[in-house]
mmCIF file of all heavy atoms, coordinates in Angstrom:
data_MODEL
# 
_entry.id   MODEL 
# 
loop_
_atom_site.group_PDB 
_atom_site.id 
_atom_site.type_symbol 
_atom_site.label_atom_id 
_atom_site.label_alt_id 
_atom_site.label_comp_id 
_atom_site.label_asym_id 
_atom_site.label_entity_id 
_atom_site.label_seq_id 
_atom_site.pdbx_PDB_ins_code 
_atom_site.Cartn_x 
_atom_site.Cartn_y 
_atom_site.Cartn_z 
_atom_site.occupancy 
_atom_site.B_iso_or_equiv 
_atom_site.pdbx_formal_charge 
_atom_site.auth_seq_id 
_atom_site.auth_comp_id 
_atom_site.auth_asym_id 
_atom_site.auth_atom_id 
_atom_site.pdbx_PDB_model_num 
ATOM 1   N N   . GLN A 1 1  ? 80.807 105.934 342.941 1.00 0.00 ? 1  GLN A N   1 
ATOM 2   C CA  . GLN A 1 1  ? 82.083 106.348 342.367 1.00 0.00 ? 1  GLN A CA  1 
ATOM 3   C C   . GLN A 1 1  ? 81.934 107.668 341.586 1.00 0.00 ? 1  GLN A C   1 
ATOM 4   O O   . GLN A 1 1  ? 82.000 107.676 340.376 1.00 0.00 ? 1  GLN A O   1 
ATOM 5   C CB  . GLN A 1 1  ? 82.641 105.262 341.451 1.00 0.00 ? 1  GLN A CB  1 
ATOM 6   C CG  . GLN A 1 1  ? 82.892 103.924 342.149 1.00 0.00 ? 1  GLN A CG  1 
ATOM 7   C CD  . GLN A 1 1  ? 83.339 102.856 341.155 1.00 0.00 ? 1  GLN A CD  1 
ATOM 8   O OE1 . GLN A 1 1  ? 83.749 103.106 340.051 1.00 0.00 ? 1  GLN A OE1 1 
ATOM 9   N NE2 . GLN A 1 1  ? 83.291 101.591 341.589 1.00 0.00 ? 1  GLN A NE2 1 
ATOM 10  N N   . PRO A 1 2  ? 81.696 108.747 342.274 1.00 0.00 ? 2  PRO A N   1 
ATOM 11  C CA  . PRO A 1 2  ? 81.434 110.009 341.577 1.00 0.00 ? 2  PRO A CA  1 
ATOM 12  C C   . PRO A 1 2  ? 82.606 110.568 340.792 1.00 0.00 ? 2  PRO A C   1 
ATOM 13  O O   . PRO A 1 2  ? 82.421 111.543 340.043 1.00 0.00 ? 2  PRO A O   1 
ATOM 14  C CB  . PRO A 1 2  ? 81.047 110.955 342.721 1.00 0.00 ? 2  PRO A CB  1 
ATOM 15  C CG  . PRO A 1 2  ? 81.725 110.372 343.929 1.00 0.00 ? 2  PRO A CG  1 
ATOM 16  C CD  . PRO A 1 2  ? 81.703 108.906 343.742 1.00 0.00 ? 2  PRO A CD  1 
ATOM 17  N N   . ASN A 1 3  ? 83.775 109.975 340.903 1.00 0.00 ? 3  ASN A N   1 
ATOM 18  C CA  . ASN A 1 3  ? 84.949 110.479 340.199 1.00 0.00 ? 3  ASN A CA  1 
ATOM 19  C C   . ASN A 1 3  ? 85.344 109.596 339.002 1.00 0.00 ? 3  ASN A C   1 
ATOM 20  O O   . ASN A 1 3  ? 86.421 109.754 338.441 1.00 0.00 ? 3  ASN A O   1 
ATOM 21  C CB  . ASN A 1 3  ? 86.134 110.642 341.132 1.00 0.00 ? 3  ASN A CB  1 
ATOM 22  C CG  . ASN A 1 3  ? 85.894 111.730 342.162 1.00 0.00 ? 3  ASN A CG  1 
ATOM 23  O OD1 . ASN A 1 3  ? 85.406 112.806 341.807 1.00 0.00 ? 3  ASN A OD1 1 
ATOM 24  N ND2 . ASN A 1 3  ? 86.218 111.470 343.417 1.00 0.00 ? 3  ASN A ND2 1 
ATOM 25  N N   . HIS A 1 4  ? 84.477 108.640 338.634 1.00 0.00 ? 4  HIS A N   1 
ATOM 26  C CA  . HIS A 1 4  ? 84.767 107.774 337.504 1.00 0.00 ? 4  HIS A CA  1 
ATOM 27  C C   . HIS A 1 4  ? 83.629 107.826 336.492 1.00 0.00 ? 4  HIS A C   1 
ATOM 28  O O   . HIS A 1 4  ? 82.449 107.888 336.879 1.00 0.00 ? 4  HIS A O   1 
ATOM 29  C CB  . HIS A 1 4  ? 84.944 106.316 337.958 1.00 0.00 ? 4  HIS A CB  1 
ATOM 30  C CG  . HIS A 1 4  ? 86.100 106.101 338.877 1.00 0.00 ? 4  HIS A CG  1 
ATOM 31  N ND1 . HIS A 1 4  ? 86.030 106.245 340.224 1.00 0.00 ? 4  HIS A ND1 1 
ATOM 32  C CD2 . HIS A 1 4  ? 87.394 105.744 338.604 1.00 0.00 ? 4  HIS A CD2 1 
ATOM 33  C CE1 . HIS A 1 4  ? 87.216 105.994 340.771 1.00 0.00 ? 4  HIS A CE1 1 
ATOM 34  N NE2 . HIS A 1 4  ? 88.053 105.682 339.814 1.00 0.00 ? 4  HIS A NE2 1 
ATOM 35  N N   . ILE A 1 5  ? 83.986 107.785 335.208 1.00 0.00 ? 5  ILE A N   1 
ATOM 36  C CA  . ILE A 1 5  ? 83.009 107.739 334.131 1.00 0.00 ? 5  ILE A CA  1 
ATOM 37  C C   . ILE A 1 5  ? 83.038 106.344 333.527 1.00 0.00 ? 5  ILE A C   1 
ATOM 38  O O   . ILE A 1 5  ? 84.093 105.837 333.146 1.00 0.00 ? 5  ILE A O   1 
ATOM 39  C CB  . ILE A 1 5  ? 83.325 108.762 333.022 1.00 0.00 ? 5  ILE A CB  1 
ATOM 40  C CG1 . ILE A 1 5  ? 83.318 110.188 333.601 1.00 0.00 ? 5  ILE A CG1 1 
ATOM 41  C CG2 . ILE A 1 5  ? 82.321 108.646 331.875 1.00 0.00 ? 5  ILE A CG2 1 
ATOM 42  C CD1 . ILE A 1 5  ? 83.796 111.231 332.582 1.00 0.00 ? 5  ILE A CD1 1 
ATOM 43  N N   . TYR A 1 6  ? 81.858 105.693 333.442 1.00 0.00 ? 6  TYR A N   1 
ATOM 44  C CA  . TYR A 1 6  ? 81.704 104.459 332.709 1.00 0.00 ? 6  TYR A CA  1 
ATOM 45  C C   . TYR A 1 6  ? 81.095 104.759 331.344 1.00 0.00 ? 6  TYR A C   1 
ATOM 46  O O   . TYR A 1 6  ? 80.201 105.609 331.243 1.00 0.00 ? 6  TYR A O   1 
ATOM 47  C CB  . TYR A 1 6  ? 80.771 103.504 333.454 1.00 0.00 ? 6  TYR A CB  1 
ATOM 48  C CG  . TYR A 1 6  ? 81.311 102.906 334.724 1.00 0.00 ? 6  TYR A CG  1 
ATOM 49  C CD1 . TYR A 1 6  ? 81.390 103.653 335.897 1.00 0.00 ? 6  TYR A CD1 1 
ATOM 50  C CD2 . TYR A 1 6  ? 81.747 101.581 334.749 1.00 0.00 ? 6  TYR A CD2 1 
ATOM 51  C CE1 . TYR A 1 6  ? 81.883 103.094 337.085 1.00 0.00 ? 6  TYR A CE1 1 
ATOM 52  C CE2 . TYR A 1 6  ? 82.261 101.015 335.945 1.00 0.00 ? 6  TYR A CE2 1 
ATOM 53  C CZ  . TYR A 1 6  ? 82.297 101.788 337.081 1.00 0.00 ? 6  TYR A CZ  1 
ATOM 54  O OH  . TYR A 1 6  ? 82.777 101.241 338.264 1.00 0.00 ? 6  TYR A OH  1 
ATOM 55  N N   . PHE A 1 7  ? 81.549 104.093 330.308 1.00 0.00 ? 7  PHE A N   1 
ATOM 56  C CA  . PHE A 1 7  ? 80.956 104.304 328.983 1.00 0.00 ? 7  PHE A CA  1 
ATOM 57  C C   . PHE A 1 7  ? 81.108 103.073 328.133 1.00 0.00 ? 7  PHE A C   1 
ATOM 58  O O   . PHE A 1 7  ? 81.906 102.177 328.451 1.00 0.00 ? 7  PHE A O   1 
ATOM 59  C CB  . PHE A 1 7  ? 81.559 105.559 328.284 1.00 0.00 ? 7  PHE A CB  1 
ATOM 60  C CG  . PHE A 1 7  ? 83.035 105.508 328.032 1.00 0.00 ? 7  PHE A CG  1 
ATOM 61  C CD1 . PHE A 1 7  ? 83.545 105.252 326.756 1.00 0.00 ? 7  PHE A CD1 1 
ATOM 62  C CD2 . PHE A 1 7  ? 83.949 105.765 329.038 1.00 0.00 ? 7  PHE A CD2 1 
ATOM 63  C CE1 . PHE A 1 7  ? 84.895 105.246 326.514 1.00 0.00 ? 7  PHE A CE1 1 
ATOM 64  C CE2 . PHE A 1 7  ? 85.303 105.768 328.802 1.00 0.00 ? 7  PHE A CE2 1 
ATOM 65  C CZ  . PHE A 1 7  ? 85.787 105.491 327.549 1.00 0.00 ? 7  PHE A CZ  1 
ATOM 66  N N   . THR A 1 8  ? 80.369 103.032 327.032 1.00 0.00 ? 8  THR A N   1 
ATOM 67  C CA  . THR A 1 8  ? 80.372 101.862 326.154 1.00 0.00 ? 8  THR A CA  1 
ATOM 68  C C   . THR A 1 8  ? 80.918 102.197 324.778 1.00 0.00 ? 8  THR A C   1 
ATOM 69  O O   . THR A 1 8  ? 80.722 103.295 324.273 1.00 0.00 ? 8  THR A O   1 
ATOM 70  C CB  . THR A 1 8  ? 78.932 101.309 325.958 1.00 0.00 ? 8  THR A CB  1 
ATOM 71  O OG1 . THR A 1 8  ? 78.128 102.332 325.341 1.00 0.00 ? 8  THR A OG1 1 
ATOM 72  C CG2 . THR A 1 8  ? 78.315 100.923 327.278 1.00 0.00 ? 8  THR A CG2 1 
ATOM 73  N N   . ILE A 1 9  ? 81.641 101.225 324.208 1.00 0.00 ? 9  ILE A N   1 
ATOM 74  C CA  . ILE A 1 9  ? 81.977 101.234 322.775 1.00 0.00 ? 9  ILE A CA  1 
ATOM 75  C C   . ILE A 1 9  ? 81.613 99.845  322.257 1.00 0.00 ? 9  ILE A C   1 
ATOM 76  O O   . ILE A 1 9  ? 81.978 98.831  322.851 1.00 0.00 ? 9  ILE A O   1 
ATOM 77  C CB  . ILE A 1 9  ? 83.460 101.549 322.512 1.00 0.00 ? 9  ILE A CB  1 
ATOM 78  C CG1 . ILE A 1 9  ? 83.835 102.932 323.064 1.00 0.00 ? 9  ILE A CG1 1 
ATOM 79  C CG2 . ILE A 1 9  ? 83.752 101.484 321.012 1.00 0.00 ? 9  ILE A CG2 1 
ATOM 80  C CD1 . ILE A 1 9  ? 85.288 103.325 322.819 1.00 0.00 ? 9  ILE A CD1 1 
ATOM 81  N N   . GLY A 1 10 ? 80.888 99.814  321.137 1.00 0.00 ? 10 GLY A N   1 
ATOM 82  C CA  . GLY A 1 10 ? 80.521 98.507  320.550 1.00 0.00 ? 10 GLY A CA  1 
ATOM 83  C C   . GLY A 1 10 ? 81.670 97.896  319.796 1.00 0.00 ? 10 GLY A C   1 
ATOM 84  O O   . GLY A 1 10 ? 82.810 98.393  319.763 1.00 0.00 ? 10 GLY A O   1 
ATOM 85  N N   . ASP A 1 11 ? 81.389 96.748  319.207 1.00 0.00 ? 11 ASP A N   1 
ATOM 86  C CA  . ASP A 1 11 ? 82.447 95.989  318.479 1.00 0.00 ? 11 ASP A CA  1 
ATOM 87  C C   . ASP A 1 11 ? 82.700 96.504  317.084 1.00 0.00 ? 11 ASP A C   1 
ATOM 88  O O   . ASP A 1 11 ? 83.404 95.845  316.298 1.00 0.00 ? 11 ASP A O   1 
ATOM 89  C CB  . ASP A 1 11 ? 82.123 94.482  318.479 1.00 0.00 ? 11 ASP A CB  1 
ATOM 90  C CG  . ASP A 1 11 ? 80.938 94.139  317.573 1.00 0.00 ? 11 ASP A CG  1 
ATOM 91  O OD1 . ASP A 1 11 ? 80.285 95.072  317.046 1.00 0.00 ? 11 ASP A OD1 1 
ATOM 92  O OD2 . ASP A 1 11 ? 80.682 92.936  317.413 1.00 0.00 ? 11 ASP A OD2 1 
ATOM 93  N N   . LEU A 1 12 ? 82.107 97.645  316.719 1.00 0.00 ? 12 LEU A N   1 
ATOM 94  C CA  . LEU A 1 12 ? 82.237 98.295  315.391 1.00 0.00 ? 12 LEU A CA  1 
ATOM 95  C C   . LEU A 1 12 ? 81.694 97.406  314.296 1.00 0.00 ? 12 LEU A C   1 
ATOM 96  O O   . LEU A 1 12 ? 82.010 97.596  313.110 1.00 0.00 ? 12 LEU A O   1 
ATOM 97  C CB  . LEU A 1 12 ? 83.706 98.653  315.094 1.00 0.00 ? 12 LEU A CB  1 
ATOM 98  C CG  . LEU A 1 12 ? 84.454 99.477  316.153 1.00 0.00 ? 12 LEU A CG  1 
ATOM 99  C CD1 . LEU A 1 12 ? 85.811 99.893  315.656 1.00 0.00 ? 12 LEU A CD1 1 
ATOM 100 C CD2 . LEU A 1 12 ? 83.642 100.683 316.612 1.00 0.00 ? 12 LEU A CD2 1 
ATOM 101 N N   . ALA A 1 13 ? 80.878 96.404  314.668 1.00 0.00 ? 13 ALA A N   1 
ATOM 102 C CA  . ALA A 1 13 ? 80.251 95.471  313.690 1.00 0.00 ? 13 ALA A CA  1 
ATOM 103 C C   . ALA A 1 13 ? 81.340 94.759  312.867 1.00 0.00 ? 13 ALA A C   1 
ATOM 104 O O   . ALA A 1 13 ? 81.098 94.393  311.721 1.00 0.00 ? 13 ALA A O   1 
ATOM 105 C CB  . ALA A 1 13 ? 79.286 96.214  312.766 1.00 0.00 ? 13 ALA A CB  1 
ATOM 106 N N   . TYR A 1 14 ? 82.446 94.484  313.482 1.00 0.00 ? 14 TYR A N   1 
ATOM 107 C CA  . TYR A 1 14 ? 83.594 93.872  312.764 1.00 0.00 ? 14 TYR A CA  1 
ATOM 108 C C   . TYR A 1 14 ? 83.607 92.380  312.971 1.00 0.00 ? 14 TYR A C   1 
ATOM 109 O O   . TYR A 1 14 ? 83.651 91.903  314.133 1.00 0.00 ? 14 TYR A O   1 
ATOM 110 C CB  . TYR A 1 14 ? 84.889 94.497  313.256 1.00 0.00 ? 14 TYR A CB  1 
ATOM 111 C CG  . TYR A 1 14 ? 86.131 93.960  312.568 1.00 0.00 ? 14 TYR A CG  1 
ATOM 112 C CD1 . TYR A 1 14 ? 86.445 94.311  311.269 1.00 0.00 ? 14 TYR A CD1 1 
ATOM 113 C CD2 . TYR A 1 14 ? 86.971 93.066  313.231 1.00 0.00 ? 14 TYR A CD2 1 
ATOM 114 C CE1 . TYR A 1 14 ? 87.563 93.820  310.632 1.00 0.00 ? 14 TYR A CE1 1 
ATOM 115 C CE2 . TYR A 1 14 ? 88.116 92.555  312.613 1.00 0.00 ? 14 TYR A CE2 1 
ATOM 116 C CZ  . TYR A 1 14 ? 88.394 92.944  311.319 1.00 0.00 ? 14 TYR A CZ  1 
ATOM 117 O OH  . TYR A 1 14 ? 89.520 92.443  310.688 1.00 0.00 ? 14 TYR A OH  1 
ATOM 118 N N   . GLN A 1 15 ? 83.510 91.594  311.893 1.00 0.00 ? 15 GLN A N   1 
ATOM 119 C CA  . GLN A 1 15 ? 83.635 90.131  311.930 1.00 0.00 ? 15 GLN A CA  1 
ATOM 120 C C   . GLN A 1 15 ? 82.709 89.527  312.991 1.00 0.00 ? 15 GLN A C   1 
ATOM 121 O O   . GLN A 1 15 ? 83.137 88.746  313.864 1.00 0.00 ? 15 GLN A O   1 
ATOM 122 C CB  . GLN A 1 15 ? 85.093 89.728  312.199 1.00 0.00 ? 15 GLN A CB  1 
ATOM 123 C CG  . GLN A 1 15 ? 86.067 90.093  311.105 1.00 0.00 ? 15 GLN A CG  1 
ATOM 124 C CD  . GLN A 1 15 ? 85.933 89.226  309.873 1.00 0.00 ? 15 GLN A CD  1 
ATOM 125 O OE1 . GLN A 1 15 ? 85.316 88.182  309.899 1.00 0.00 ? 15 GLN A OE1 1 
ATOM 126 N NE2 . GLN A 1 15 ? 86.515 89.696  308.760 1.00 0.00 ? 15 GLN A NE2 1 
ATOM 127 N N   . GLN A 1 16 ? 81.419 89.824  312.868 1.00 0.00 ? 16 GLN A N   1 
ATOM 128 C CA  . GLN A 1 16 ? 80.470 89.405  313.890 1.00 0.00 ? 16 GLN A CA  1 
ATOM 129 C C   . GLN A 1 16 ? 80.245 87.896  313.958 1.00 0.00 ? 16 GLN A C   1 
ATOM 130 O O   . GLN A 1 16 ? 79.831 87.385  314.988 1.00 0.00 ? 16 GLN A O   1 
ATOM 131 C CB  . GLN A 1 16 ? 79.132 90.094  313.682 1.00 0.00 ? 16 GLN A CB  1 
ATOM 132 C CG  . GLN A 1 16 ? 79.186 91.627  313.840 1.00 0.00 ? 16 GLN A CG  1 
ATOM 133 C CD  . GLN A 1 16 ? 77.828 92.231  313.781 1.00 0.00 ? 16 GLN A CD  1 
ATOM 134 O OE1 . GLN A 1 16 ? 77.093 92.180  314.796 1.00 0.00 ? 16 GLN A OE1 1 
ATOM 135 N NE2 . GLN A 1 16 ? 77.433 92.786  312.663 1.00 0.00 ? 16 GLN A NE2 1 
ATOM 136 N N   . SER A 1 17 ? 80.508 87.236  312.864 1.00 0.00 ? 17 SER A N   1 
ATOM 137 C CA  . SER A 1 17 ? 80.297 85.771  312.864 1.00 0.00 ? 17 SER A CA  1 
ATOM 138 C C   . SER A 1 17 ? 81.608 85.013  313.064 1.00 0.00 ? 17 SER A C   1 
ATOM 139 O O   . SER A 1 17 ? 81.645 83.794  312.926 1.00 0.00 ? 17 SER A O   1 
ATOM 140 C CB  . SER A 1 17 ? 79.646 85.344  311.551 1.00 0.00 ? 17 SER A CB  1 
ATOM 141 O OG  . SER A 1 17 ? 78.372 85.945  311.404 1.00 0.00 ? 17 SER A OG  1 
ATOM 142 N N   . ASN A 1 18 ? 82.653 85.732  313.381 1.00 0.00 ? 18 ASN A N   1 
ATOM 143 C CA  . ASN A 1 18 ? 83.955 85.094  313.518 1.00 0.00 ? 18 ASN A CA  1 
ATOM 144 C C   . ASN A 1 18 ? 84.565 85.465  314.880 1.00 0.00 ? 18 ASN A C   1 
ATOM 145 O O   . ASN A 1 18 ? 85.193 86.514  315.033 1.00 0.00 ? 18 ASN A O   1 
ATOM 146 C CB  . ASN A 1 18 ? 84.903 85.540  312.399 1.00 0.00 ? 18 ASN A CB  1 
ATOM 147 C CG  . ASN A 1 18 ? 86.186 84.721  312.356 1.00 0.00 ? 18 ASN A CG  1 
ATOM 148 O OD1 . ASN A 1 18 ? 86.673 84.243  313.371 1.00 0.00 ? 18 ASN A OD1 1 
ATOM 149 N ND2 . ASN A 1 18 ? 86.750 84.603  311.154 1.00 0.00 ? 18 ASN A ND2 1 
ATOM 150 N N   . PRO A 1 19 ? 84.371 84.599  315.891 1.00 0.00 ? 19 PRO A N   1 
ATOM 151 C CA  . PRO A 1 19 ? 84.900 84.919  317.241 1.00 0.00 ? 19 PRO A CA  1 
ATOM 152 C C   . PRO A 1 19 ? 86.405 85.097  317.257 1.00 0.00 ? 19 PRO A C   1 
ATOM 153 O O   . PRO A 1 19 ? 86.914 85.816  318.130 1.00 0.00 ? 19 PRO A O   1 
ATOM 154 C CB  . PRO A 1 19 ? 84.475 83.698  318.049 1.00 0.00 ? 19 PRO A CB  1 
ATOM 155 C CG  . PRO A 1 19 ? 83.335 83.112  317.340 1.00 0.00 ? 19 PRO A CG  1 
ATOM 156 C CD  . PRO A 1 19 ? 83.595 83.352  315.885 1.00 0.00 ? 19 PRO A CD  1 
ATOM 157 N N   . THR A 1 20 ? 87.109 84.495  316.344 1.00 0.00 ? 20 THR A N   1 
ATOM 158 C CA  . THR A 1 20 ? 88.562 84.639  316.339 1.00 0.00 ? 20 THR A CA  1 
ATOM 159 C C   . THR A 1 20 ? 88.998 86.036  315.956 1.00 0.00 ? 20 THR A C   1 
ATOM 160 O O   . THR A 1 20 ? 89.978 86.592  316.510 1.00 0.00 ? 20 THR A O   1 
ATOM 161 C CB  . THR A 1 20 ? 89.176 83.621  315.336 1.00 0.00 ? 20 THR A CB  1 
ATOM 162 O OG1 . THR A 1 20 ? 88.807 82.300  315.698 1.00 0.00 ? 20 THR A OG1 1 
ATOM 163 C CG2 . THR A 1 20 ? 90.720 83.723  315.338 1.00 0.00 ? 20 THR A CG2 1 
ATOM 164 N N   . LEU A 1 21 ? 88.258 86.678  315.034 1.00 0.00 ? 21 LEU A N   1 
ATOM 165 C CA  . LEU A 1 21 ? 88.629 87.994  314.559 1.00 0.00 ? 21 LEU A CA  1 
ATOM 166 C C   . LEU A 1 21 ? 87.882 89.136  315.225 1.00 0.00 ? 21 LEU A C   1 
ATOM 167 O O   . LEU A 1 21 ? 88.353 90.262  315.201 1.00 0.00 ? 21 LEU A O   1 
ATOM 168 C CB  . LEU A 1 21 ? 88.452 88.057  313.040 1.00 0.00 ? 21 LEU A CB  1 
ATOM 169 C CG  . LEU A 1 21 ? 89.291 87.100  312.205 1.00 0.00 ? 21 LEU A CG  1 
ATOM 170 C CD1 . LEU A 1 21 ? 88.964 87.238  310.727 1.00 0.00 ? 21 LEU A CD1 1 
ATOM 171 C CD2 . LEU A 1 21 ? 90.808 87.339  312.451 1.00 0.00 ? 21 LEU A CD2 1 
ATOM 172 N N   . ASN A 1 22 ? 86.700 88.867  315.763 1.00 0.00 ? 22 ASN A N   1 
ATOM 173 C CA  . ASN A 1 22 ? 85.906 89.927  316.360 1.00 0.00 ? 22 ASN A CA  1 
ATOM 174 C C   . ASN A 1 22 ? 86.678 90.592  317.517 1.00 0.00 ? 22 ASN A C   1 
ATOM 175 O O   . ASN A 1 22 ? 87.417 89.936  318.252 1.00 0.00 ? 22 ASN A O   1 
ATOM 176 C CB  . ASN A 1 22 ? 84.560 89.354  316.890 1.00 0.00 ? 22 ASN A CB  1 
ATOM 177 C CG  . ASN A 1 22 ? 83.654 90.429  317.416 1.00 0.00 ? 22 ASN A CG  1 
ATOM 178 O OD1 . ASN A 1 22 ? 83.622 90.720  318.610 1.00 0.00 ? 22 ASN A OD1 1 
ATOM 179 N ND2 . ASN A 1 22 ? 82.869 91.021  316.527 1.00 0.00 ? 22 ASN A ND2 1 
ATOM 180 N N   . TYR A 1 23 ? 86.464 91.890  317.697 1.00 0.00 ? 23 TYR A N   1 
ATOM 181 C CA  . TYR A 1 23 ? 87.196 92.669  318.699 1.00 0.00 ? 23 TYR A CA  1 
ATOM 182 C C   . TYR A 1 23 ? 86.791 92.358  320.152 1.00 0.00 ? 23 TYR A C   1 
ATOM 183 O O   . TYR A 1 23 ? 87.562 92.529  321.073 1.00 0.00 ? 23 TYR A O   1 
ATOM 184 C CB  . TYR A 1 23 ? 86.992 94.153  318.465 1.00 0.00 ? 23 TYR A CB  1 
ATOM 185 C CG  . TYR A 1 23 ? 87.579 94.705  317.206 1.00 0.00 ? 23 TYR A CG  1 
ATOM 186 C CD1 . TYR A 1 23 ? 86.827 95.564  316.386 1.00 0.00 ? 23 TYR A CD1 1 
ATOM 187 C CD2 . TYR A 1 23 ? 88.903 94.438  316.847 1.00 0.00 ? 23 TYR A CD2 1 
ATOM 188 C CE1 . TYR A 1 23 ? 87.374 96.125  315.234 1.00 0.00 ? 23 TYR A CE1 1 
ATOM 189 C CE2 . TYR A 1 23 ? 89.447 95.003  315.657 1.00 0.00 ? 23 TYR A CE2 1 
ATOM 190 C CZ  . TYR A 1 23 ? 88.648 95.832  314.877 1.00 0.00 ? 23 TYR A CZ  1 
ATOM 191 O OH  . TYR A 1 23 ? 89.197 96.362  313.743 1.00 0.00 ? 23 TYR A OH  1 
ATOM 192 N N   . ALA A 1 24 ? 85.512 91.974  320.358 1.00 0.00 ? 24 ALA A N   1 
ATOM 193 C CA  . ALA A 1 24 ? 84.914 92.055  321.685 1.00 0.00 ? 24 ALA A CA  1 
ATOM 194 C C   . ALA A 1 24 ? 85.579 91.169  322.723 1.00 0.00 ? 24 ALA A C   1 
ATOM 195 O O   . ALA A 1 24 ? 85.600 91.485  323.902 1.00 0.00 ? 24 ALA A O   1 
ATOM 196 C CB  . ALA A 1 24 ? 83.423 91.732  321.576 1.00 0.00 ? 24 ALA A CB  1 
ATOM 197 N N   . ASN A 1 25 ? 86.108 90.010  322.295 1.00 0.00 ? 25 ASN A N   1 
ATOM 198 C CA  . ASN A 1 25 ? 86.636 89.052  323.292 1.00 0.00 ? 25 ASN A CA  1 
ATOM 199 C C   . ASN A 1 25 ? 88.141 89.187  323.534 1.00 0.00 ? 25 ASN A C   1 
ATOM 200 O O   . ASN A 1 25 ? 88.749 88.326  324.133 1.00 0.00 ? 25 ASN A O   1 
ATOM 201 C CB  . ASN A 1 25 ? 86.319 87.616  322.901 1.00 0.00 ? 25 ASN A CB  1 
ATOM 202 C CG  . ASN A 1 25 ? 86.877 87.244  321.509 1.00 0.00 ? 25 ASN A CG  1 
ATOM 203 O OD1 . ASN A 1 25 ? 87.659 88.005  320.946 1.00 0.00 ? 25 ASN A OD1 1 
ATOM 204 N ND2 . ASN A 1 25 ? 86.491 86.090  320.991 1.00 0.00 ? 25 ASN A ND2 1 
ATOM 205 N N   . LYS A 1 26 ? 88.724 90.293  323.059 1.00 0.00 ? 26 LYS A N   1 
ATOM 206 C CA  . LYS A 1 26 ? 90.165 90.500  323.213 1.00 0.00 ? 26 LYS A CA  1 
ATOM 207 C C   . LYS A 1 26 ? 90.420 91.664  324.176 1.00 0.00 ? 26 LYS A C   1 
ATOM 208 O O   . LYS A 1 26 ? 89.758 92.696  324.131 1.00 0.00 ? 26 LYS A O   1 
ATOM 209 C CB  . LYS A 1 26 ? 90.797 90.803  321.877 1.00 0.00 ? 26 LYS A CB  1 
ATOM 210 C CG  . LYS A 1 26 ? 90.662 89.608  320.886 1.00 0.00 ? 26 LYS A CG  1 
ATOM 211 C CD  . LYS A 1 26 ? 91.152 89.999  319.519 1.00 0.00 ? 26 LYS A CD  1 
ATOM 212 C CE  . LYS A 1 26 ? 91.041 88.789  318.554 1.00 0.00 ? 26 LYS A CE  1 
ATOM 213 N NZ  . LYS A 1 26 ? 89.640 88.308  318.430 1.00 0.00 ? 26 LYS A NZ  1 
# 
């Protein structure tokens, strides 16, 4: 896919012990 860029952004270390509030699963 030479016309697409893949990249990462982390969860900003926000509410890591709280799955309800953490950003990653939304």
